[in-house]
Amino acid sequence: MLDSVMLIDDNKHDNFFHELAINDTGLAKSVVKYLSAEKALAFLSEARDNHGSIPPLIFLDINMPGMSGWDFLEEYQKMPHQMQQRSLIVMLTTSCNPHDFERAKKEPVLKGFLNKALTSEMFHEVVTKNFVPKQNSIQ
């Protein structure tokens, strides 16, 4: 079970429904929501400076007013490498733009690119793929 999951999306309705999907799985103790990338970065910077808890999983929207998801990634990559290794970032989008998908594949800190809306099944798959230790099968 993850201690926390961060949602960064300017749409409060998306955050609400994504939080419900996450909570349905029982795989996260808490969900931290931000309506702006700037506020999420400020939270992460403060947690880093005060040795606070960094969410191990961050879902990031691409298109937001002010700082976009791409801008967030650019700033996030300026943070210490040890901190970057403590979180896995998955981008969420409604965009059908193939350029966004290609760009996402080139971002070293992105570990996934999913179409909204985040469902319980999608969340479960991300957690299982990235946080559940693989068992060696003996044959």
N, C-alpha and C. Protein backbone atom coordinates (compact mmCIF):
# COMPACT_ATOMS: atom_id res chain seq x y z
N MET A 1 0.84 -1.18 0.00
CA MET A 1 0.00 0.00 0.00
C MET A 1 0.89 1.25 0.00
N LEU A 2 0.52 2.21 -0.83
CA LEU A 2 1.26 3.46 -0.92
C LEU A 2 0.82 4.40 0.21
N ASP A 3 1.79 5.14 0.75
CA ASP A 3 1.44 6.11 1.79
C ASP A 3 0.56 7.22 1.23
N SER A 4 0.90 7.69 0.03
CA SER A 4 0.09 8.76 -0.57
C SER A 4 0.24 8.76 -2.08
N VAL A 5 -0.72 9.40 -2.72
CA VAL A 5 -0.71 9.61 -4.16
C VAL A 5 -1.03 11.08 -4.37
N MET A 6 -0.33 11.72 -5.30
CA MET A 6 -0.59 13.13 -5.61
C MET A 6 -1.29 13.23 -6.95
N LEU A 7 -2.34 14.05 -6.98
CA LEU A 7 -3.05 14.38 -8.21
C LEU A 7 -2.79 15.85 -8.51
N ILE A 8 -2.32 16.14 -9.72
CA ILE A 8 -2.11 17.52 -10.15
C ILE A 8 -2.96 17.74 -11.39
N ASP A 9 -4.05 18.46 -11.21
CA ASP A 9 -4.98 18.71 -12.32
C ASP A 9 -5.80 19.95 -11.98
N ASP A 10 -5.93 20.86 -12.94
CA ASP A 10 -6.68 22.09 -12.70
C ASP A 10 -8.19 21.85 -12.68
N ASN A 11 -8.64 20.66 -13.03
CA ASN A 11 -10.07 20.35 -13.05
C ASN A 11 -10.43 19.64 -11.75
N LYS A 12 -11.15 20.34 -10.87
CA LYS A 12 -11.47 19.76 -9.56
C LYS A 12 -12.37 18.54 -9.68
N HIS A 13 -13.18 18.47 -10.75
CA HIS A 13 -14.05 17.31 -10.95
C HIS A 13 -13.21 16.08 -11.31
N ASP A 14 -12.21 16.26 -12.16
CA ASP A 14 -11.30 15.15 -12.48
C ASP A 14 -10.59 14.67 -11.22
N ASN A 15 -10.09 15.60 -10.42
CA ASN A 15 -9.42 15.22 -9.18
C ASN A 15 -10.36 14.43 -8.27
N PHE A 16 -11.61 14.87 -8.18
CA PHE A 16 -12.60 14.19 -7.34
C PHE A 16 -12.81 12.75 -7.81
N PHE A 17 -13.07 12.57 -9.10
CA PHE A 17 -13.33 11.23 -9.61
C PHE A 17 -12.08 10.36 -9.59
N HIS A 18 -10.93 10.94 -9.82
CA HIS A 18 -9.68 10.16 -9.75
C HIS A 18 -9.41 9.72 -8.31
N GLU A 19 -9.71 10.61 -7.36
CA GLU A 19 -9.55 10.22 -5.95
C GLU A 19 -10.48 9.06 -5.60
N LEU A 20 -11.72 9.10 -6.07
CA LEU A 20 -12.65 7.99 -5.84
C LEU A 20 -12.11 6.68 -6.41
N ALA A 21 -11.58 6.75 -7.63
CA ALA A 21 -11.02 5.55 -8.27
C ALA A 21 -9.86 4.99 -7.46
N ILE A 22 -9.00 5.88 -6.98
CA ILE A 22 -7.85 5.46 -6.17
C ILE A 22 -8.32 4.84 -4.87
N ASN A 23 -9.26 5.51 -4.19
CA ASN A 23 -9.75 5.01 -2.91
C ASN A 23 -10.47 3.67 -3.05
N ASP A 24 -11.12 3.45 -4.20
CA ASP A 24 -11.81 2.17 -4.44
C ASP A 24 -10.86 0.99 -4.39
N THR A 25 -9.60 1.20 -4.73
CA THR A 25 -8.64 0.10 -4.77
C THR A 25 -8.12 -0.29 -3.40
N GLY A 26 -8.14 0.65 -2.46
CA GLY A 26 -7.56 0.38 -1.14
C GLY A 26 -6.04 0.30 -1.16
N LEU A 27 -5.41 0.82 -2.23
CA LEU A 27 -3.96 0.71 -2.38
C LEU A 27 -3.21 1.98 -1.98
N ALA A 28 -3.92 3.00 -1.50
CA ALA A 28 -3.26 4.24 -1.07
C ALA A 28 -3.90 4.71 0.24
N LYS A 29 -3.04 5.13 1.17
CA LYS A 29 -3.54 5.62 2.45
C LYS A 29 -4.18 7.00 2.32
N SER A 30 -3.62 7.84 1.44
CA SER A 30 -4.17 9.18 1.28
C SER A 30 -3.92 9.69 -0.15
N VAL A 31 -4.72 10.69 -0.52
CA VAL A 31 -4.59 11.34 -1.82
C VAL A 31 -4.42 12.83 -1.57
N VAL A 32 -3.36 13.39 -2.16
CA VAL A 32 -3.08 14.82 -2.06
C VAL A 32 -3.41 15.42 -3.41
N LYS A 33 -4.28 16.45 -3.42
CA LYS A 33 -4.73 17.03 -4.69
C LYS A 33 -4.27 18.48 -4.80
N TYR A 34 -3.82 18.83 -6.00
CA TYR A 34 -3.44 20.21 -6.31
C TYR A 34 -4.09 20.61 -7.62
N LEU A 35 -4.64 21.84 -7.63
CA LEU A 35 -5.28 22.39 -8.82
C LEU A 35 -4.30 23.15 -9.70
N SER A 36 -3.05 23.28 -9.25
CA SER A 36 -2.04 23.95 -10.07
C SER A 36 -0.69 23.26 -9.89
N ALA A 37 0.06 23.26 -10.98
CA ALA A 37 1.39 22.65 -10.94
C ALA A 37 2.32 23.45 -10.04
N GLU A 38 2.13 24.77 -10.01
CA GLU A 38 2.99 25.62 -9.16
C GLU A 38 2.85 25.24 -7.69
N LYS A 39 1.61 25.04 -7.24
CA LYS A 39 1.38 24.70 -5.83
C LYS A 39 1.92 23.30 -5.52
N ALA A 40 1.80 22.39 -6.46
CA ALA A 40 2.33 21.05 -6.25
C ALA A 40 3.85 21.09 -6.14
N LEU A 41 4.51 21.87 -6.99
CA LEU A 41 5.97 22.02 -6.91
C LEU A 41 6.38 22.64 -5.59
N ALA A 42 5.62 23.64 -5.14
CA ALA A 42 5.92 24.26 -3.85
C ALA A 42 5.82 23.24 -2.72
N PHE A 43 4.80 22.40 -2.76
CA PHE A 43 4.65 21.34 -1.75
C PHE A 43 5.84 20.39 -1.78
N LEU A 44 6.23 19.96 -2.98
CA LEU A 44 7.35 19.03 -3.10
C LEU A 44 8.66 19.66 -2.64
N SER A 45 8.86 20.93 -2.98
CA SER A 45 10.08 21.63 -2.54
C SER A 45 10.13 21.77 -1.03
N GLU A 46 8.99 22.09 -0.44
CA GLU A 46 8.94 22.23 1.03
C GLU A 46 9.17 20.88 1.70
N ALA A 47 8.56 19.84 1.17
CA ALA A 47 8.77 18.50 1.73
C ALA A 47 10.23 18.10 1.62
N ARG A 48 10.86 18.43 0.48
CA ARG A 48 12.28 18.13 0.30
C ARG A 48 13.11 18.88 1.32
N ASP A 49 12.86 20.18 1.48
CA ASP A 49 13.64 21.01 2.39
C ASP A 49 13.45 20.64 3.84
N ASN A 50 12.27 20.12 4.18
CA ASN A 50 11.98 19.77 5.57
C ASN A 50 12.00 18.26 5.81
N HIS A 51 12.57 17.54 4.86
CA HIS A 51 12.68 16.08 4.94
C HIS A 51 11.31 15.44 5.18
N GLY A 52 10.29 16.01 4.53
CA GLY A 52 8.94 15.48 4.66
C GLY A 52 8.69 14.34 3.70
N SER A 53 7.50 13.86 3.76
CA SER A 53 7.10 12.74 2.94
C SER A 53 6.78 13.19 1.51
N ILE A 54 7.37 12.52 0.56
CA ILE A 54 7.15 12.77 -0.86
C ILE A 54 6.23 11.67 -1.37
N PRO A 55 5.12 12.01 -2.04
CA PRO A 55 4.26 10.94 -2.57
C PRO A 55 5.02 10.06 -3.55
N PRO A 56 4.93 8.75 -3.39
CA PRO A 56 5.65 7.86 -4.31
C PRO A 56 5.04 7.80 -5.71
N LEU A 57 3.80 8.30 -5.86
CA LEU A 57 3.14 8.27 -7.16
C LEU A 57 2.44 9.60 -7.40
N ILE A 58 2.72 10.19 -8.56
CA ILE A 58 2.14 11.48 -8.94
C ILE A 58 1.45 11.31 -10.30
N PHE A 59 0.18 11.71 -10.36
CA PHE A 59 -0.55 11.76 -11.63
C PHE A 59 -0.62 13.22 -12.04
N LEU A 60 -0.16 13.51 -13.25
CA LEU A 60 0.02 14.87 -13.73
C LEU A 60 -0.77 15.12 -15.00
N ASP A 61 -1.60 16.16 -14.98
CA ASP A 61 -2.33 16.58 -16.18
C ASP A 61 -1.38 17.34 -17.09
N ILE A 62 -1.59 17.26 -18.41
CA ILE A 62 -0.75 18.00 -19.35
C ILE A 62 -1.18 19.46 -19.44
N ASN A 63 -2.43 19.67 -19.80
CA ASN A 63 -2.91 21.01 -20.12
C ASN A 63 -3.53 21.69 -18.91
N MET A 64 -2.80 22.64 -18.36
CA MET A 64 -3.29 23.42 -17.23
C MET A 64 -2.92 24.88 -17.49
N PRO A 65 -3.74 25.80 -16.98
CA PRO A 65 -3.39 27.21 -17.14
C PRO A 65 -2.15 27.55 -16.31
N GLY A 66 -1.42 28.53 -16.73
CA GLY A 66 -0.18 28.89 -16.02
C GLY A 66 0.89 27.88 -16.36
N MET A 67 1.25 27.07 -15.41
CA MET A 67 2.28 26.05 -15.60
C MET A 67 1.64 24.76 -16.10
N SER A 68 2.03 24.34 -17.28
CA SER A 68 1.50 23.09 -17.84
C SER A 68 2.20 21.89 -17.21
N GLY A 69 1.72 20.71 -17.55
CA GLY A 69 2.39 19.51 -17.08
C GLY A 69 3.82 19.41 -17.59
N TRP A 70 4.04 19.86 -18.83
CA TRP A 70 5.39 19.86 -19.40
C TRP A 70 6.29 20.81 -18.62
N ASP A 71 5.76 21.99 -18.27
CA ASP A 71 6.53 22.96 -17.48
C ASP A 71 6.87 22.38 -16.10
N PHE A 72 5.90 21.68 -15.51
CA PHE A 72 6.12 21.03 -14.21
C PHE A 72 7.28 20.06 -14.31
N LEU A 73 7.27 19.23 -15.35
CA LEU A 73 8.35 18.24 -15.52
C LEU A 73 9.71 18.91 -15.65
N GLU A 74 9.75 20.02 -16.37
CA GLU A 74 11.01 20.75 -16.55
C GLU A 74 11.55 21.23 -15.19
N GLU A 75 10.67 21.77 -14.37
CA GLU A 75 11.09 22.25 -13.04
C GLU A 75 11.40 21.08 -12.10
N TYR A 76 10.62 20.03 -12.18
CA TYR A 76 10.82 18.85 -11.34
C TYR A 76 12.20 18.25 -11.58
N GLN A 77 12.63 18.25 -12.84
CA GLN A 77 13.93 17.66 -13.17
C GLN A 77 15.11 18.49 -12.65
N LYS A 78 14.84 19.69 -12.17
CA LYS A 78 15.89 20.51 -11.56
C LYS A 78 16.09 20.15 -10.09
N MET A 79 15.18 19.37 -9.52
CA MET A 79 15.28 18.96 -8.12
C MET A 79 16.36 17.88 -8.01
N PRO A 80 16.88 17.68 -6.80
CA PRO A 80 17.93 16.67 -6.62
C PRO A 80 17.49 15.29 -7.12
N HIS A 81 18.43 14.59 -7.72
CA HIS A 81 18.14 13.29 -8.31
C HIS A 81 17.57 12.31 -7.28
N GLN A 82 18.07 12.36 -6.03
CA GLN A 82 17.57 11.46 -4.99
C GLN A 82 16.08 11.68 -4.76
N MET A 83 15.65 12.93 -4.83
CA MET A 83 14.23 13.21 -4.64
C MET A 83 13.42 12.70 -5.82
N GLN A 84 13.93 12.89 -7.01
CA GLN A 84 13.22 12.44 -8.21
C GLN A 84 13.01 10.92 -8.17
N GLN A 85 13.95 10.22 -7.60
CA GLN A 85 13.85 8.76 -7.53
C GLN A 85 12.80 8.30 -6.53
N ARG A 86 12.33 9.20 -5.68
CA ARG A 86 11.34 8.83 -4.67
C ARG A 86 9.92 8.86 -5.21
N SER A 87 9.72 9.42 -6.40
CA SER A 87 8.37 9.51 -6.97
C SER A 87 8.35 8.98 -8.40
N LEU A 88 7.25 8.38 -8.73
CA LEU A 88 7.00 7.92 -10.08
C LEU A 88 5.91 8.85 -10.64
N ILE A 89 6.10 9.40 -11.83
CA ILE A 89 5.14 10.33 -12.41
C ILE A 89 4.48 9.69 -13.62
N VAL A 90 3.15 9.75 -13.62
CA VAL A 90 2.35 9.27 -14.74
C VAL A 90 1.54 10.45 -15.25
N MET A 91 1.61 10.70 -16.54
CA MET A 91 0.88 11.82 -17.13
C MET A 91 -0.51 11.34 -17.53
N LEU A 92 -1.50 12.18 -17.21
CA LEU A 92 -2.89 11.93 -17.60
C LEU A 92 -3.31 12.98 -18.60
N THR A 93 -4.06 12.58 -19.61
CA THR A 93 -4.45 13.54 -20.63
C THR A 93 -5.76 13.17 -21.30
N THR A 94 -6.39 14.17 -21.86
CA THR A 94 -7.52 13.95 -22.76
C THR A 94 -7.07 14.21 -24.19
N SER A 95 -5.81 14.56 -24.35
CA SER A 95 -5.25 14.91 -25.65
C SER A 95 -5.11 13.68 -26.54
N CYS A 96 -5.48 13.85 -27.77
CA CYS A 96 -5.26 12.79 -28.77
C CYS A 96 -4.07 13.14 -29.65
N ASN A 97 -3.33 14.16 -29.26
CA ASN A 97 -2.23 14.66 -30.05
C ASN A 97 -1.06 13.66 -30.01
N PRO A 98 -0.69 13.07 -31.14
CA PRO A 98 0.42 12.12 -31.14
C PRO A 98 1.74 12.76 -30.72
N HIS A 99 1.87 14.08 -30.92
CA HIS A 99 3.07 14.79 -30.50
C HIS A 99 3.24 14.69 -28.98
N ASP A 100 2.14 14.78 -28.23
CA ASP A 100 2.21 14.66 -26.77
C ASP A 100 2.71 13.28 -26.37
N PHE A 101 2.20 12.25 -27.03
CA PHE A 101 2.62 10.88 -26.72
C PHE A 101 4.10 10.68 -27.01
N GLU A 102 4.55 11.17 -28.15
CA GLU A 102 5.96 11.04 -28.53
C GLU A 102 6.85 11.82 -27.55
N ARG A 103 6.41 13.01 -27.19
CA ARG A 103 7.18 13.82 -26.25
C ARG A 103 7.27 13.13 -24.89
N ALA A 104 6.17 12.53 -24.47
CA ALA A 104 6.14 11.84 -23.17
C ALA A 104 7.14 10.68 -23.15
N LYS A 105 7.27 9.97 -24.27
CA LYS A 105 8.20 8.85 -24.32
C LYS A 105 9.65 9.31 -24.14
N LYS A 106 9.93 10.57 -24.44
CA LYS A 106 11.29 11.10 -24.33
C LYS A 106 11.59 11.71 -22.96
N GLU A 107 10.57 11.84 -22.11
CA GLU A 107 10.77 12.43 -20.79
C GLU A 107 11.26 11.36 -19.82
N PRO A 108 12.50 11.51 -19.33
CA PRO A 108 13.06 10.45 -18.48
C PRO A 108 12.33 10.24 -17.15
N VAL A 109 11.69 11.27 -16.63
CA VAL A 109 11.02 11.10 -15.33
C VAL A 109 9.61 10.55 -15.46
N LEU A 110 9.06 10.51 -16.66
CA LEU A 110 7.71 9.98 -16.84
C LEU A 110 7.76 8.46 -16.93
N LYS A 111 6.89 7.83 -16.18
CA LYS A 111 6.83 6.37 -16.20
C LYS A 111 5.55 5.86 -16.83
N GLY A 112 4.72 6.78 -17.32
CA GLY A 112 3.49 6.36 -17.97
C GLY A 112 2.77 7.54 -18.58
N PHE A 113 1.88 7.23 -19.50
CA PHE A 113 1.09 8.22 -20.21
C PHE A 113 -0.27 7.59 -20.44
N LEU A 114 -1.28 8.07 -19.70
CA LEU A 114 -2.60 7.46 -19.74
C LEU A 114 -3.66 8.46 -20.16
N ASN A 115 -4.69 7.94 -20.80
CA ASN A 115 -5.83 8.79 -21.14
C ASN A 115 -6.78 8.86 -19.95
N LYS A 116 -7.32 10.08 -19.73
CA LYS A 116 -8.32 10.25 -18.68
C LYS A 116 -9.60 9.57 -19.14
N ALA A 117 -10.38 9.15 -18.24
CA ALA A 117 -10.31 9.31 -16.81
C ALA A 117 -9.59 8.12 -16.19
N LEU A 118 -8.90 8.41 -15.09
CA LEU A 118 -8.23 7.36 -14.34
C LEU A 118 -9.28 6.47 -13.70
N THR A 119 -9.18 5.19 -13.95
CA THR A 119 -10.12 4.24 -13.35
C THR A 119 -9.40 3.44 -12.25
N SER A 120 -10.19 2.75 -11.45
CA SER A 120 -9.61 1.89 -10.41
C SER A 120 -8.70 0.84 -11.03
N GLU A 121 -9.12 0.30 -12.17
CA GLU A 121 -8.33 -0.73 -12.85
C GLU A 121 -7.00 -0.16 -13.33
N MET A 122 -7.04 1.04 -13.90
CA MET A 122 -5.80 1.68 -14.36
C MET A 122 -4.86 1.94 -13.20
N PHE A 123 -5.41 2.45 -12.10
CA PHE A 123 -4.59 2.72 -10.92
C PHE A 123 -3.98 1.43 -10.39
N HIS A 124 -4.79 0.41 -10.27
CA HIS A 124 -4.31 -0.88 -9.78
C HIS A 124 -3.17 -1.40 -10.66
N GLU A 125 -3.31 -1.26 -11.98
CA GLU A 125 -2.28 -1.71 -12.91
C GLU A 125 -0.97 -0.94 -12.72
N VAL A 126 -1.06 0.39 -12.55
CA VAL A 126 0.14 1.20 -12.34
C VAL A 126 0.85 0.78 -11.05
N VAL A 127 0.07 0.59 -9.99
CA VAL A 127 0.66 0.21 -8.70
C VAL A 127 1.27 -1.18 -8.80
N THR A 128 0.55 -2.12 -9.37
CA THR A 128 1.05 -3.49 -9.48
C THR A 128 2.33 -3.55 -10.32
N LYS A 129 2.33 -2.82 -11.42
CA LYS A 129 3.49 -2.83 -12.32
C LYS A 129 4.73 -2.19 -11.70
N ASN A 130 4.53 -1.15 -10.89
CA ASN A 130 5.66 -0.35 -10.42
C ASN A 130 6.01 -0.47 -8.95
N PHE A 131 5.09 -0.99 -8.12
CA PHE A 131 5.35 -0.98 -6.69
C PHE A 131 5.26 -2.35 -6.02
N VAL A 132 4.69 -3.32 -6.69
CA VAL A 132 4.57 -4.65 -6.11
C VAL A 132 5.79 -5.46 -6.51
N PRO A 133 6.53 -5.97 -5.52
CA PRO A 133 7.74 -6.75 -5.87
C PRO A 133 7.36 -7.97 -6.71
N LYS A 134 8.17 -8.20 -7.71
CA LYS A 134 7.96 -9.35 -8.61
C LYS A 134 8.45 -10.60 -7.88
N GLN A 135 7.65 -11.65 -7.96
CA GLN A 135 8.01 -12.92 -7.35
C GLN A 135 8.74 -13.76 -8.39
N ASN A 136 9.82 -14.35 -7.99
CA ASN A 136 10.52 -15.28 -8.89
C ASN A 136 9.80 -16.61 -8.84
N SER A 137 9.37 -17.07 -9.97
CA SER A 137 8.69 -18.36 -10.00
C SER A 137 9.73 -19.46 -10.21
N ILE A 138 9.57 -20.51 -9.45
CA ILE A 138 10.48 -21.66 -9.57
C ILE A 138 9.77 -22.69 -10.44
N GLN A 139 10.45 -23.09 -11.49
CA GLN A 139 9.83 -24.07 -12.40
C GLN A 139 10.60 -25.35 -12.42
